[in-house]
N, C-alpha and C. Protein backbone atom coordinates (compact mmCIF):
# COMPACT_ATOMS: atom_id res chain seq x y z
N MET A 1 8.22 13.11 39.94
CA MET A 1 8.98 12.29 38.94
C MET A 1 10.29 13.01 38.68
N THR A 2 11.33 12.25 38.68
CA THR A 2 12.55 12.93 38.40
C THR A 2 13.26 12.23 37.20
N ASN A 3 13.68 13.09 36.27
CA ASN A 3 14.12 12.59 35.00
C ASN A 3 15.64 13.28 34.95
N ARG A 4 16.66 12.47 35.30
CA ARG A 4 18.02 12.99 35.28
C ARG A 4 18.97 11.98 34.60
N LEU A 5 19.92 12.50 34.08
CA LEU A 5 21.02 11.61 33.49
C LEU A 5 21.59 10.92 34.73
N ALA A 6 22.08 9.77 34.45
CA ALA A 6 22.78 8.86 35.52
C ALA A 6 23.97 9.71 35.97
N SER A 7 24.74 10.31 35.13
CA SER A 7 25.80 11.08 35.57
C SER A 7 25.94 12.28 34.74
N PRO A 8 25.76 13.45 35.27
CA PRO A 8 25.84 14.72 34.42
C PRO A 8 27.12 14.82 33.70
N PRO A 9 26.99 15.35 32.45
CA PRO A 9 28.22 15.55 31.68
C PRO A 9 29.14 16.53 32.34
N GLU A 10 30.41 16.55 32.03
CA GLU A 10 31.33 17.49 32.43
C GLU A 10 31.10 18.73 31.55
N PRO A 11 31.17 19.92 32.12
CA PRO A 11 30.91 21.18 31.27
C PRO A 11 32.09 21.27 30.18
N ARG A 12 31.59 21.72 29.05
CA ARG A 12 32.60 21.82 27.88
C ARG A 12 32.29 23.18 27.26
N ALA A 13 33.29 23.64 26.51
CA ALA A 13 33.25 25.03 25.95
C ALA A 13 32.06 25.03 24.84
N ASP A 14 31.69 23.80 24.15
CA ASP A 14 30.68 23.85 23.09
C ASP A 14 29.36 23.50 23.70
N MET A 15 29.12 23.51 25.06
CA MET A 15 27.96 23.02 25.62
C MET A 15 26.96 24.27 25.76
N GLN A 16 25.79 24.05 25.39
CA GLN A 16 24.74 25.06 25.44
C GLN A 16 23.97 24.75 26.64
N VAL A 17 23.61 25.73 27.51
CA VAL A 17 22.74 25.63 28.60
C VAL A 17 21.44 26.31 28.40
N ILE A 18 20.39 25.62 28.42
CA ILE A 18 19.09 26.20 28.14
C ILE A 18 18.09 25.79 29.31
N ALA A 19 17.32 26.79 29.83
CA ALA A 19 16.61 26.56 31.06
C ALA A 19 15.26 27.22 30.86
N ILE A 20 14.24 26.56 31.36
CA ILE A 20 12.79 27.18 31.56
C ILE A 20 12.54 27.06 33.04
N VAL A 21 12.09 28.24 33.50
CA VAL A 21 11.66 28.29 34.98
C VAL A 21 10.16 28.45 34.98
N LYS A 22 9.57 27.61 35.74
CA LYS A 22 7.98 27.73 35.77
C LYS A 22 7.70 27.61 37.21
N GLY A 23 7.52 28.89 37.85
CA GLY A 23 7.21 28.95 39.28
C GLY A 23 8.41 28.49 40.05
N THR A 24 8.19 27.42 40.82
CA THR A 24 9.49 26.87 41.64
C THR A 24 10.15 25.82 40.89
N GLU A 25 9.60 25.40 39.71
CA GLU A 25 10.23 24.25 38.93
C GLU A 25 11.27 24.84 37.98
N ARG A 26 12.32 24.09 37.74
CA ARG A 26 13.36 24.46 36.81
C ARG A 26 13.71 23.28 35.90
N PHE A 27 13.73 23.53 34.64
CA PHE A 27 13.98 22.43 33.65
C PHE A 27 15.27 22.92 32.98
N ILE A 28 16.30 22.33 33.17
CA ILE A 28 17.58 22.73 32.74
C ILE A 28 18.28 21.68 31.78
N PHE A 29 18.62 22.08 30.58
CA PHE A 29 19.20 21.20 29.59
C PHE A 29 20.59 21.54 29.23
N LEU A 30 21.47 20.63 29.21
CA LEU A 30 22.85 20.76 28.68
C LEU A 30 23.02 20.10 27.43
N VAL A 31 23.20 20.82 26.35
CA VAL A 31 23.24 20.31 25.01
C VAL A 31 24.53 20.61 24.30
N THR A 32 25.05 19.57 23.50
CA THR A 32 26.19 19.76 22.63
C THR A 32 25.65 19.51 21.10
N ASP A 33 26.54 19.69 20.31
CA ASP A 33 26.23 19.55 18.81
C ASP A 33 26.21 18.08 18.55
N SER A 34 26.36 17.13 19.40
CA SER A 34 26.38 15.77 19.10
C SER A 34 24.99 15.30 18.70
N PHE A 35 24.99 14.57 17.59
CA PHE A 35 23.61 13.96 17.05
C PHE A 35 22.94 13.11 18.17
N GLU A 36 23.58 12.29 18.85
CA GLU A 36 23.19 11.48 19.89
C GLU A 36 22.43 12.29 20.96
N VAL A 37 23.09 13.36 21.42
CA VAL A 37 22.58 14.25 22.48
C VAL A 37 21.29 14.91 21.98
N LYS A 38 21.34 15.35 20.68
CA LYS A 38 20.14 16.06 20.25
C LYS A 38 18.96 15.08 19.99
N THR A 39 19.25 13.84 19.76
CA THR A 39 18.25 12.72 19.50
C THR A 39 17.64 12.43 20.87
N GLN A 40 18.44 12.25 21.85
CA GLN A 40 18.10 11.93 23.25
C GLN A 40 17.19 13.19 23.83
N LEU A 41 17.62 14.40 23.46
CA LEU A 41 16.88 15.50 23.98
C LEU A 41 15.57 15.62 23.30
N THR A 42 15.35 15.40 22.02
CA THR A 42 14.16 15.31 21.30
C THR A 42 13.22 14.39 21.94
N GLU A 43 13.68 13.11 22.19
CA GLU A 43 12.89 12.05 22.84
C GLU A 43 12.37 12.47 24.19
N THR A 44 13.30 13.08 24.89
CA THR A 44 12.99 13.52 26.36
C THR A 44 11.99 14.71 26.31
N LEU A 45 12.09 15.62 25.51
CA LEU A 45 11.08 16.68 25.40
C LEU A 45 9.75 16.21 25.06
N ALA A 46 9.59 15.19 24.10
CA ALA A 46 8.34 14.64 23.72
C ALA A 46 7.77 13.78 24.90
N ARG A 47 8.54 13.02 25.58
CA ARG A 47 8.15 12.24 26.74
C ARG A 47 7.58 13.20 27.82
N TRP A 48 8.37 14.17 28.14
CA TRP A 48 7.94 15.16 29.19
C TRP A 48 6.63 15.90 28.88
N ALA A 49 6.60 16.32 27.61
CA ALA A 49 5.42 17.09 27.23
C ALA A 49 4.14 16.22 27.19
N ALA A 50 4.26 15.09 27.06
CA ALA A 50 3.19 14.20 26.94
C ALA A 50 2.79 13.62 28.32
N ASN A 51 3.51 13.89 29.30
CA ASN A 51 3.33 13.39 30.72
C ASN A 51 2.48 14.40 31.45
N PRO A 52 1.24 14.10 31.74
CA PRO A 52 0.30 15.02 32.38
C PRO A 52 0.72 15.30 33.89
N ASP A 53 1.66 14.52 34.49
CA ASP A 53 2.17 14.82 35.77
C ASP A 53 3.19 15.83 35.85
N LEU A 54 3.76 16.21 34.73
CA LEU A 54 4.82 17.35 34.75
C LEU A 54 4.20 18.62 34.24
N ASN A 55 4.65 19.61 34.81
CA ASN A 55 4.28 21.10 34.41
C ASN A 55 5.19 21.49 33.26
N PHE A 56 5.25 20.61 32.10
CA PHE A 56 6.03 20.89 31.01
C PHE A 56 5.10 20.61 29.73
N SER A 57 4.92 21.68 28.94
CA SER A 57 4.05 21.55 27.75
C SER A 57 4.66 21.39 26.55
N TRP A 58 3.81 21.15 25.46
CA TRP A 58 4.43 21.01 24.16
C TRP A 58 4.91 22.38 23.70
N TYR A 59 4.42 23.52 24.11
CA TYR A 59 5.03 24.73 23.86
C TYR A 59 6.38 24.87 24.44
N ASP A 60 6.52 24.46 25.66
CA ASP A 60 7.94 24.37 26.23
C ASP A 60 8.84 23.61 25.49
N ALA A 61 8.42 22.39 25.08
CA ALA A 61 9.16 21.51 24.24
C ALA A 61 9.59 22.23 22.93
N GLY A 62 8.67 22.88 22.28
CA GLY A 62 9.01 23.72 21.02
C GLY A 62 9.93 24.74 21.25
N MET A 63 9.83 25.48 22.38
CA MET A 63 10.79 26.60 22.75
C MET A 63 12.19 26.00 22.89
N ILE A 64 12.32 24.90 23.68
CA ILE A 64 13.73 24.34 23.84
C ILE A 64 14.29 23.81 22.52
N ALA A 65 13.28 23.12 21.72
CA ALA A 65 13.83 22.58 20.41
C ALA A 65 14.27 23.81 19.52
N GLY A 66 13.55 24.81 19.53
CA GLY A 66 13.94 26.01 18.71
C GLY A 66 15.28 26.62 19.07
N ARG A 67 15.46 26.72 20.42
CA ARG A 67 16.66 27.27 20.87
C ARG A 67 17.88 26.44 20.47
N VAL A 68 17.70 25.11 20.50
CA VAL A 68 18.77 24.14 20.17
C VAL A 68 18.99 24.29 18.71
N GLN A 69 18.17 24.43 17.82
CA GLN A 69 18.29 24.54 16.41
C GLN A 69 19.00 25.88 16.15
N LYS A 70 18.59 26.95 16.75
CA LYS A 70 19.23 28.28 16.39
C LYS A 70 20.60 28.40 17.04
N GLY A 71 20.82 27.57 18.17
CA GLY A 71 22.17 27.61 18.75
C GLY A 71 22.29 28.77 19.69
N THR A 72 21.08 29.32 20.22
CA THR A 72 21.23 30.46 21.10
C THR A 72 21.29 30.02 22.46
N HIS A 73 22.00 30.81 23.27
CA HIS A 73 22.17 30.45 24.66
C HIS A 73 21.28 31.11 25.57
């Protein structure tokens, strides 16, 4: 299952890159301070964590959400 944006955003100075590496899988998120982006990210994290076909857990979702809240890179 592939979950990608139709067209990746252009890199910006205020963009936060957050990644989780699990074995050979990579989950990479490009996040800005935009409310819409954060809302879409929250929905995506929940959908992925609930999907038994993905190696992406609720713990992973919580880690990503926490990093976005703190603004850490």
